[in-house]
Amino acid sequence: MRMEGKVALITGAGSGIGKATAEIYAREGASVVIAELYADRAEQVAEAINSSGGKALALTVDVTDSSAVNDMVARTIEAFGKVDVLMNNAGLSFQQDVRYITDENWQASLDLILTAPFYGSRAVLPHMIEQGSGSIINISSVRGMTATGEEGYSAAKAGLINLTRNMAARYGKFGVRCNAVCPGAVKTGLVGSVPPKPGQENGGAKMTPLGRVGQPEDVAYACLYLGSDEAAWVSGAILPVDGGLVAGPLGLLKDFAGDTRD
């Protein structure tokens, strides 16, 4: 089992990518902490894992509160003795451009997407350094790698990529790895997200070379690799899991390749 004996703390694990990763980690032998703003979601995921023979603990936490994050890490260590993997996954999206982003929405994007991973990483690093190992996985986005609009979300995700690289460079000597996964269009809801406008629901699939929107499990399996010992020499990586979108959006290929037969 690829995660046998490991303890993984996953934020935003009550749904979507976080939930899928928690389930896969548990099947692969990890003890998982389901850290979630909504208690009912956390309890449902943890109960399902425990009922299936896994080990899971549900914690209700606001990851934008540094004291709550410190307590989350302390309770994880109290329950399982250590933290091997921290997956900073909680997020939200308002789908607004610079002209229309309110002060409140801009700050909310930064708080949850960038500041919360900082709080979580700061809280687990002393423990990972002491044990001489650890894996921090930040869920960024292809929006943080290129200009695709949604500027508040995208700017925060870009900042998370830079934070990832800096932590990888600074803490590698202590055996701590830090990587970022950058999903493309994934069929999952974000807390506080605005639904797509009519006619935009299949936009991600139309632009993606592999021709479909991603599923949470597509991203979760990348996180499984990065959390496991198979990725022992992988740190500072920025991994797109996007169906080929960053390599070249299909719309641009059709416009500029000069061959529209397909």
C-alpha atoms as a PDB file:
ATOM      1  CA  MET A   1       0.000   0.000   0.000  1.00  0.00           C
ATOM      2  CA  ARG A   2       1.487   3.282  -1.145  1.00  0.00           C
ATOM      3  CA  MET A   3       0.587   5.351   1.942  1.00  0.00           C
ATOM      4  CA  GLU A   4       0.927   2.667   4.608  1.00  0.00           C
ATOM      5  CA  GLY A   5       1.651   4.198   8.021  1.00  0.00           C
ATOM      6  CA  LYS A   6       1.401   7.807   6.860  1.00  0.00           C
ATOM      7  CA  VAL A   7      -0.772  10.532   8.355  1.00  0.00           C
ATOM      8  CA  ALA A   8      -2.311  13.027   5.946  1.00  0.00           C
ATOM      9  CA  LEU A   9      -4.035  16.280   6.850  1.00  0.00           C
ATOM     10  CA  ILE A  10      -6.238  17.567   4.021  1.00  0.00           C
ATOM     11  CA  THR A  11      -8.082  20.887   4.085  1.00  0.00           C
ATOM     12  CA  GLY A  12     -11.329  21.309   2.200  1.00  0.00           C
ATOM     13  CA  ALA A  13     -11.694  17.529   2.273  1.00  0.00           C
ATOM     14  CA  GLY A  14     -15.461  17.488   2.576  1.00  0.00           C
ATOM     15  CA  SER A  15     -15.988  17.519  -1.173  1.00  0.00           C
ATOM     16  CA  GLY A  16     -14.317  17.563  -4.579  1.00  0.00           C
ATOM     17  CA  ILE A  17     -10.577  17.068  -4.930  1.00  0.00           C
ATOM     18  CA  GLY A  18      -9.975  16.990  -1.187  1.00  0.00           C
ATOM     19  CA  LYS A  19     -12.581  14.302  -0.615  1.00  0.00           C
ATOM     20  CA  ALA A  20     -11.325  12.186  -3.512  1.00  0.00           C
ATOM     21  CA  THR A  21      -7.754  12.435  -2.234  1.00  0.00           C
ATOM     22  CA  ALA A  22      -8.747  11.529   1.317  1.00  0.00           C
ATOM     23  CA  GLU A  23     -10.580   8.434   0.066  1.00  0.00           C
ATOM     24  CA  ILE A  24      -7.666   7.307  -2.105  1.00  0.00           C
ATOM     25  CA  TYR A  25      -5.118   7.967   0.642  1.00  0.00           C
ATOM     26  CA  ALA A  26      -7.199   5.929   3.095  1.00  0.00           C
ATOM     27  CA  ARG A  27      -7.480   3.035   0.646  1.00  0.00           C
ATOM     28  CA  GLU A  28      -3.707   3.144   0.300  1.00  0.00           C
ATOM     29  CA  GLY A  29      -3.182   2.836   4.055  1.00  0.00           C
ATOM     30  CA  ALA A  30      -2.978   6.405   5.348  1.00  0.00           C
ATOM     31  CA  SER A  31      -4.729   7.809   8.384  1.00  0.00           C
ATOM     32  CA  VAL A  32      -6.484  10.934   7.127  1.00  0.00           C
ATOM     33  CA  VAL A  33      -7.752  14.079   8.790  1.00  0.00           C
ATOM     34  CA  ILE A  34     -10.765  15.611   7.051  1.00  0.00           C
ATOM     35  CA  ALA A  35     -10.401  19.333   7.791  1.00  0.00           C
ATOM     36  CA  GLU A  36     -13.471  21.179   6.602  1.00  0.00           C
ATOM     37  CA  LEU A  37     -15.408  24.362   7.304  1.00  0.00           C
ATOM     38  CA  TYR A  38     -18.708  22.464   7.163  1.00  0.00           C
ATOM     39  CA  ALA A  39     -19.001  19.913   9.954  1.00  0.00           C
ATOM     40  CA  ASP A  40     -21.603  17.741   8.228  1.00  0.00           C
ATOM     41  CA  ARG A  41     -19.408  17.279   5.155  1.00  0.00           C
ATOM     42  CA  ALA A  42     -16.368  16.383   7.251  1.00  0.00           C
ATOM     43  CA  GLU A  43     -18.331  13.868   9.323  1.00  0.00           C
ATOM     44  CA  GLN A  44     -19.840  12.198   6.259  1.00  0.00           C
ATOM     45  CA  VAL A  45     -16.470  11.697   4.567  1.00  0.00           C
ATOM     46  CA  ALA A  46     -14.781  10.464   7.750  1.00  0.00           C
ATOM     47  CA  GLU A  47     -17.653   8.102   8.552  1.00  0.00           C
ATOM     48  CA  ALA A  48     -17.555   6.587   5.074  1.00  0.00           C
ATOM     49  CA  ILE A  49     -13.806   6.014   5.307  1.00  0.00           C
ATOM     50  CA  ASN A  50     -14.019   4.490   8.780  1.00  0.00           C
ATOM     51  CA  SER A  51     -16.925   2.270   7.737  1.00  0.00           C
ATOM     52  CA  SER A  52     -14.795   0.968   4.873  1.00  0.00           C
ATOM     53  CA  GLY A  53     -12.004  -0.084   7.221  1.00  0.00           C
ATOM     54  CA  GLY A  54      -9.877   3.046   6.939  1.00  0.00           C
ATOM     55  CA  LYS A  55      -8.848   5.563   9.571  1.00  0.00           C
ATOM     56  CA  ALA A  56     -10.229   9.096   9.438  1.00  0.00           C
ATOM     57  CA  LEU A  57     -10.807  11.988  11.808  1.00  0.00           C
ATOM     58  CA  ALA A  58     -13.208  14.839  11.032  1.00  0.00           C
ATOM     59  CA  LEU A  59     -12.229  18.336  12.154  1.00  0.00           C
ATOM     60  CA  THR A  60     -14.297  21.462  11.678  1.00  0.00           C
ATOM     61  CA  VAL A  61     -11.937  24.359  11.047  1.00  0.00           C
ATOM     62  CA  ASP A  62     -11.793  27.775   9.434  1.00  0.00           C
ATOM     63  CA  VAL A  63      -8.385  27.651   7.764  1.00  0.00           C
ATOM     64  CA  THR A  64      -8.288  31.448   7.440  1.00  0.00           C
ATOM     65  CA  ASP A  65      -7.953  31.639  11.243  1.00  0.00           C
ATOM     66  CA  SER A  66      -4.329  31.065  12.264  1.00  0.00           C
ATOM     67  CA  SER A  67      -5.253  29.946  15.792  1.00  0.00           C
ATOM     68  CA  ALA A  68      -7.737  27.440  14.413  1.00  0.00           C
ATOM     69  CA  VAL A  69      -5.093  26.098  12.026  1.00  0.00           C
ATOM     70  CA  ASN A  70      -2.584  25.689  14.858  1.00  0.00           C
ATOM     71  CA  ASP A  71      -5.223  23.788  16.806  1.00  0.00           C
ATOM     72  CA  MET A  72      -5.995  21.637  13.739  1.00  0.00           C
ATOM     73  CA  VAL A  73      -2.364  20.544  13.501  1.00  0.00           C
ATOM     74  CA  ALA A  74      -2.134  19.958  17.260  1.00  0.00           C
ATOM     75  CA  ARG A  75      -5.268  17.772  17.224  1.00  0.00           C
ATOM     76  CA  THR A  76      -3.935  15.795  14.278  1.00  0.00           C
ATOM     77  CA  ILE A  77      -0.719  15.045  16.148  1.00  0.00           C
ATOM     78  CA  GLU A  78      -2.664  14.237  19.318  1.00  0.00           C
ATOM     79  CA  ALA A  79      -4.798  11.729  17.394  1.00  0.00           C
ATOM     80  CA  PHE A  80      -2.175  10.125  15.151  1.00  0.00           C
ATOM     81  CA  GLY A  81       1.226  11.145  16.529  1.00  0.00           C
ATOM     82  CA  LYS A  82       2.568  13.001  13.492  1.00  0.00           C
ATOM     83  CA  VAL A  83       1.823  14.695  10.164  1.00  0.00           C
ATOM     84  CA  ASP A  84       3.470  13.235   7.065  1.00  0.00           C
ATOM     85  CA  VAL A  85       1.406  15.043   4.435  1.00  0.00           C
ATOM     86  CA  LEU A  86      -0.296  18.419   4.486  1.00  0.00           C
ATOM     87  CA  MET A  87      -2.520  19.077   1.496  1.00  0.00           C
ATOM     88  CA  ASN A  88      -3.616  22.701   1.286  1.00  0.00           C
ATOM     89  CA  ASN A  89      -6.726  22.320  -0.831  1.00  0.00           C
ATOM     90  CA  ALA A  90      -9.503  24.606   0.445  1.00  0.00           C
ATOM     91  CA  GLY A  91     -10.491  27.253  -2.081  1.00  0.00           C
ATOM     92  CA  LEU A  92     -13.164  29.505  -3.550  1.00  0.00           C
ATOM     93  CA  SER A  93     -13.792  31.415  -6.757  1.00  0.00           C
ATOM     94  CA  PHE A  94     -15.829  34.483  -7.657  1.00  0.00           C
ATOM     95  CA  GLN A  95     -15.132  34.553 -11.430  1.00  0.00           C
ATOM     96  CA  GLN A  96     -14.719  38.332 -11.608  1.00  0.00           C
ATOM     97  CA  ASP A  97     -12.286  40.578 -13.442  1.00  0.00           C
ATOM     98  CA  VAL A  98     -10.378  43.476 -11.893  1.00  0.00           C
ATOM     99  CA  ARG A  99     -13.030  46.082 -12.704  1.00  0.00           C
ATOM    100  CA  TYR A 100     -15.713  44.347 -10.699  1.00  0.00           C
ATOM    101  CA  ILE A 101     -13.953  42.575  -7.832  1.00  0.00           C
ATOM    102  CA  THR A 102     -15.103  44.019  -4.528  1.00  0.00           C
ATOM    103  CA  ASP A 103     -12.633  44.633  -1.740  1.00  0.00           C
ATOM    104  CA  GLU A 104     -14.284  41.846   0.219  1.00  0.00           C
ATOM    105  CA  ASN A 105     -14.054  39.272  -2.582  1.00  0.00           C
ATOM    106  CA  TRP A 106     -10.441  40.156  -3.359  1.00  0.00           C
ATOM    107  CA  GLN A 107      -9.493  39.728   0.277  1.00  0.00           C
ATOM    108  CA  ALA A 108     -11.495  36.502   0.608  1.00  0.00           C
ATOM    109  CA  SER A 109      -9.578  35.021  -2.345  1.00  0.00           C
ATOM    110  CA  LEU A 110      -6.231  35.909  -0.820  1.00  0.00           C
ATOM    111  CA  ASP A 111      -7.246  34.724   2.647  1.00  0.00           C
ATOM    112  CA  LEU A 112      -8.371  31.248   1.627  1.00  0.00           C
ATOM    113  CA  ILE A 113      -6.147  30.514  -1.366  1.00  0.00           C
ATOM    114  CA  LEU A 114      -2.836  32.011  -0.249  1.00  0.00           C
ATOM    115  CA  THR A 115      -2.854  32.936   3.434  1.00  0.00           C
ATOM    116  CA  ALA A 116      -4.476  29.698   4.634  1.00  0.00           C
ATOM    117  CA  PRO A 117      -1.764  27.507   3.042  1.00  0.00           C
ATOM    118  CA  PHE A 118       0.811  29.776   4.676  1.00  0.00           C
ATOM    119  CA  TYR A 119      -0.846  29.217   8.059  1.00  0.00           C
ATOM    120  CA  GLY A 120      -1.007  25.462   7.528  1.00  0.00           C
ATOM    121  CA  SER A 121       2.551  25.162   6.302  1.00  0.00           C
ATOM    122  CA  ARG A 122       3.886  27.314   9.132  1.00  0.00           C
ATOM    123  CA  ALA A 123       2.080  25.107  11.640  1.00  0.00           C
ATOM    124  CA  VAL A 124       3.309  21.736  10.308  1.00  0.00           C
ATOM    125  CA  LEU A 125       6.874  22.672   9.376  1.00  0.00           C
ATOM    126  CA  PRO A 126       8.369  22.431  12.894  1.00  0.00           C
ATOM    127  CA  HIS A 127       6.967  18.898  13.233  1.00  0.00           C
ATOM    128  CA  MET A 128       8.132  17.814   9.777  1.00  0.00           C
ATOM    129  CA  ILE A 129      11.581  19.281  10.382  1.00  0.00           C
ATOM    130  CA  GLU A 130      11.825  17.456  13.710  1.00  0.00           C
ATOM    131  CA  GLN A 131      10.900  14.108  12.146  1.00  0.00           C
ATOM    132  CA  GLY A 132      13.168  14.758   9.150  1.00  0.00           C
ATOM    133  CA  SER A 133      10.503  14.238   6.509  1.00  0.00           C
ATOM    134  CA  GLY A 134       7.237  15.558   5.177  1.00  0.00           C
ATOM    135  CA  SER A 135       5.302  16.440   2.065  1.00  0.00           C
ATOM    136  CA  ILE A 136       3.360  19.668   1.595  1.00  0.00           C
ATOM    137  CA  ILE A 137       1.039  19.648  -1.412  1.00  0.00           C
ATOM    138  CA  ASN A 138      -0.514  22.941  -2.459  1.00  0.00           C
ATOM    139  CA  ILE A 139      -3.488  22.856  -4.794  1.00  0.00           C
ATOM    140  CA  SER A 140      -2.898  25.768  -7.140  1.00  0.00           C
ATOM    141  CA  SER A 141      -4.434  26.054 -10.619  1.00  0.00           C
ATOM    142  CA  VAL A 142      -3.593  26.474 -14.284  1.00  0.00           C
ATOM    143  CA  ARG A 143      -5.031  29.950 -13.749  1.00  0.00           C
ATOM    144  CA  GLY A 144      -1.985  30.691 -11.620  1.00  0.00           C
ATOM    145  CA  MET A 145       0.305  29.735 -14.505  1.00  0.00           C
ATOM    146  CA  THR A 146      -1.179  31.815 -17.324  1.00  0.00           C
ATOM    147  CA  ALA A 147      -3.682  34.563 -18.047  1.00  0.00           C
ATOM    148  CA  THR A 148      -7.172  33.088 -18.178  1.00  0.00           C
ATOM    149  CA  GLY A 149      -9.133  35.754 -16.321  1.00  0.00           C
ATOM    150  CA  GLU A 150     -10.699  35.546 -12.855  1.00  0.00           C
ATOM    151  CA  GLU A 151      -7.942  37.780 -11.568  1.00  0.00           C
ATOM    152  CA  GLY A 152      -8.442  37.561  -7.804  1.00  0.00           C
ATOM    153  CA  TYR A 153      -8.426  33.768  -7.818  1.00  0.00           C
ATOM    154  CA  SER A 154      -5.628  33.612 -10.387  1.00  0.00           C
ATOM    155  CA  ALA A 155      -3.357  36.067  -8.558  1.00  0.00           C
ATOM    156  CA  ALA A 156      -3.727  34.128  -5.317  1.00  0.00           C
ATOM    157  CA  LYS A 157      -3.011  30.823  -7.082  1.00  0.00           C
ATOM    158  CA  ALA A 158       0.097  32.349  -8.695  1.00  0.00           C
ATOM    159  CA  GLY A 159       1.266  33.473  -5.279  1.00  0.00           C
ATOM    160  CA  LEU A 160       0.764  29.938  -4.007  1.00  0.00           C
ATOM    161  CA  ILE A 161       3.074  28.633  -6.738  1.00  0.00           C
ATOM    162  CA  ASN A 162       5.806  31.026  -5.634  1.00  0.00           C
ATOM    163  CA  LEU A 163       5.281  30.105  -1.979  1.00  0.00           C
ATOM    164  CA  THR A 164       5.609  26.443  -2.971  1.00  0.00           C
ATOM    165  CA  ARG A 165       8.941  27.003  -4.695  1.00  0.00           C
ATOM    166  CA  ASN A 166      10.353  29.026  -1.827  1.00  0.00           C
ATOM    167  CA  MET A 167       9.405  26.418   0.773  1.00  0.00           C
ATOM    168  CA  ALA A 168      10.832  23.647  -1.398  1.00  0.00           C
ATOM    169  CA  ALA A 169      14.135  25.502  -1.680  1.00  0.00           C
ATOM    170  CA  ARG A 170      14.352  26.505   1.973  1.00  0.00           C
ATOM    171  CA  TYR A 171      13.251  23.310   3.715  1.00  0.00           C
ATOM    172  CA  GLY A 172      14.546  20.571   1.451  1.00  0.00           C
ATOM    173  CA  LYS A 173      17.642  20.231   3.614  1.00  0.00           C
ATOM    174  CA  PHE A 174      15.363  19.067   6.427  1.00  0.00           C
ATOM    175  CA  GLY A 175      13.756  16.367   4.309  1.00  0.00           C
ATOM    176  CA  VAL A 176      10.587  18.370   3.679  1.00  0.00           C
ATOM    177  CA  ARG A 177       9.214  18.376   0.140  1.00  0.00           C
ATOM    178  CA  CYS A 178       6.787  20.947  -1.215  1.00  0.00           C
ATOM    179  CA  ASN A 179       4.993  20.709  -4.553  1.00  0.00           C
ATOM    180  CA  ALA A 180       2.035  22.333  -6.263  1.00  0.00           C
ATOM    181  CA  VAL A 181      -0.637  20.621  -8.325  1.00  0.00           C
ATOM    182  CA  CYS A 182      -2.373  22.836 -10.881  1.00  0.00           C
ATOM    183  CA  PRO A 183      -5.736  21.450 -11.975  1.00  0.00           C
ATOM    184  CA  GLY A 184      -7.484  22.605 -15.105  1.00  0.00           C
ATOM    185  CA  ALA A 185     -11.256  22.494 -15.486  1.00  0.00           C
ATOM    186  CA  VAL A 186     -12.414  19.919 -12.928  1.00  0.00           C
ATOM    187  CA  LYS A 187     -16.029  18.937 -12.284  1.00  0.00           C
ATOM    188  CA  THR A 188     -16.239  20.014  -8.684  1.00  0.00           C
ATOM    189  CA  GLY A 189     -17.798  22.876  -6.758  1.00  0.00           C
ATOM    190  CA  LEU A 190     -15.763  25.427  -4.810  1.00  0.00           C
ATOM    191  CA  VAL A 191     -16.989  27.028  -1.606  1.00  0.00           C
ATOM    192  CA  GLY A 192     -18.561  30.358  -2.508  1.00  0.00           C
ATOM    193  CA  SER A 193     -18.121  29.770  -6.221  1.00  0.00           C
ATOM    194  CA  VAL A 194     -20.239  31.416  -8.857  1.00  0.00           C
ATOM    195  CA  PRO A 195     -21.744  28.855 -11.295  1.00  0.00           C
ATOM    196  CA  PRO A 196     -20.764  29.052 -14.988  1.00  0.00           C
ATOM    197  CA  LYS A 197     -22.806  31.362 -17.179  1.00  0.00           C
ATOM    198  CA  PRO A 198     -25.297  29.715 -19.567  1.00  0.00           C
ATOM    199  CA  GLY A 199     -23.456  28.248 -22.528  1.00  0.00           C
ATOM    200  CA  GLN A 200     -20.107  28.065 -20.679  1.00  0.00           C
ATOM    201  CA  GLU A 201     -20.633  24.709 -18.950  1.00  0.00           C
ATOM    202  CA  ASN A 202     -18.640  22.751 -21.549  1.00  0.00           C
ATOM    203  CA  GLY A 203     -16.058  25.441 -22.259  1.00  0.00           C
ATOM    204  CA  GLY A 204     -13.291  23.598 -20.415  1.00  0.00           C
ATOM    205  CA  ALA A 205     -13.859  20.411 -22.395  1.00  0.00           C
ATOM    206  CA  LYS A 206     -13.868  22.276 -25.717  1.00  0.00           C
ATOM    207  CA  MET A 207     -10.514  23.939 -24.965  1.00  0.00           C
ATOM    208  CA  THR A 208      -8.813  20.846 -23.501  1.00  0.00           C
ATOM    209  CA  PRO A 209      -6.719  18.664 -25.860  1.00  0.00           C
ATOM    210  CA  LEU A 210      -7.921  15.484 -24.125  1.00  0.00           C
ATOM    211  CA  GLY A 211     -11.481  16.576 -24.825  1.00  0.00           C
ATOM    212  CA  ARG A 212     -13.090  16.360 -21.412  1.00  0.00           C
ATOM    213  CA  VAL A 213     -13.416  18.112 -18.097  1.00  0.00           C
ATOM    214  CA  GLY A 214     -11.384  16.519 -15.318  1.00  0.00           C
ATOM    215  CA  GLN A 215     -12.775  14.515 -12.424  1.00  0.00           C
ATOM    216  CA  PRO A 216     -11.619  14.983  -8.809  1.00  0.00           C
ATOM    217  CA  GLU A 217      -9.930  11.574  -8.955  1.00  0.00           C
ATOM    218  CA  ASP A 218      -7.724  12.752 -11.846  1.00  0.00           C
ATOM    219  CA  VAL A 219      -6.147  15.281  -9.499  1.00  0.00           C
ATOM    220  CA  ALA A 220      -6.252  13.017  -6.456  1.00  0.00           C
ATOM    221  CA  TYR A 221      -4.017  10.404  -8.080  1.00  0.00           C
ATOM    222  CA  ALA A 222      -1.380  13.069  -8.751  1.00  0.00           C
ATOM    223  CA  CYS A 223      -1.595  13.980  -5.070  1.00  0.00           C
ATOM    224  CA  LEU A 224      -1.223  10.310  -4.176  1.00  0.00           C
ATOM    225  CA  TYR A 225       2.080  10.192  -6.034  1.00  0.00           C
ATOM    226  CA  LEU A 226       3.372  13.407  -4.444  1.00  0.00           C
ATOM    227  CA  GLY A 227       2.388  12.276  -0.962  1.00  0.00           C
ATOM    228  CA  SER A 228       3.999   8.863  -1.312  1.00  0.00           C
ATOM    229  CA  ASP A 229       7.632   7.798  -1.030  1.00  0.00           C
ATOM    230  CA  GLU A 230       7.622   7.282  -4.791  1.00  0.00           C
ATOM    231  CA  ALA A 231       8.084  11.056  -5.044  1.00  0.00           C
ATOM    232  CA  ALA A 232      10.974  11.122  -2.569  1.00  0.00           C
ATOM    233  CA  TRP A 233      13.146  13.139  -4.983  1.00  0.00           C
ATOM    234  CA  VAL A 234      10.396  15.453  -6.224  1.00  0.00           C
ATOM    235  CA  SER A 235      10.242  18.910  -4.673  1.00  0.00           C
ATOM    236  CA  GLY A 236       9.458  22.338  -6.056  1.00  0.00           C
ATOM    237  CA  ALA A 237       7.486  20.793  -8.918  1.00  0.00           C
ATOM    238  CA  ILE A 238       4.555  22.661 -10.426  1.00  0.00           C
ATOM    239  CA  LEU A 239       2.433  19.889 -11.921  1.00  0.00           C
ATOM    240  CA  PRO A 240      -0.425  20.719 -14.294  1.00  0.00           C
ATOM    241  CA  VAL A 241      -3.208  18.136 -14.197  1.00  0.00           C
ATOM    242  CA  ASP A 242      -5.300  19.712 -16.887  1.00  0.00           C
ATOM    243  CA  GLY A 243      -5.886  17.427 -19.855  1.00  0.00           C
ATOM    244  CA  GLY A 244      -3.151  19.225 -21.781  1.00  0.00           C
ATOM    245  CA  LEU A 245      -4.638  22.721 -21.470  1.00  0.00           C
ATOM    246  CA  VAL A 246      -1.430  24.536 -20.534  1.00  0.00           C
ATOM    247  CA  ALA A 247       0.489  22.733 -23.290  1.00  0.00           C
ATOM    248  CA  GLY A 248      -1.803  24.367 -25.833  1.00  0.00           C
ATOM    249  CA  PRO A 249      -5.495  25.217 -25.655  1.00  0.00           C
ATOM    250  CA  LEU A 250      -7.299  23.379 -28.435  1.00  0.00           C
ATOM    251  CA  GLY A 251      -9.011  26.565 -29.614  1.00  0.00           C
ATOM    252  CA  LEU A 252      -5.672  28.260 -30.268  1.00  0.00           C
ATOM    253  CA  LEU A 253      -4.346  25.197 -32.076  1.00  0.00           C
ATOM    254  CA  LYS A 254      -7.288  25.213 -34.457  1.00  0.00           C
ATOM    255  CA  ASP A 255      -6.946  28.962 -35.032  1.00  0.00           C
ATOM    256  CA  PHE A 256      -3.226  29.006 -35.775  1.00  0.00           C
ATOM    257  CA  ALA A 257      -2.269  25.529 -37.029  1.00  0.00           C
ATOM    258  CA  GLY A 258      -3.657  26.160 -40.511  1.00  0.00           C
ATOM    259  CA  ASP A 259      -5.398  22.772 -40.628  1.00  0.00           C
ATOM    260  CA  THR A 260      -9.033  22.701 -39.536  1.00  0.00           C
ATOM    261  CA  ARG A 261     -10.018  19.336 -40.992  1.00  0.00           C
ATOM    262  CA  ASP A 262     -10.413  17.873 -37.482  1.00  0.00           C
END
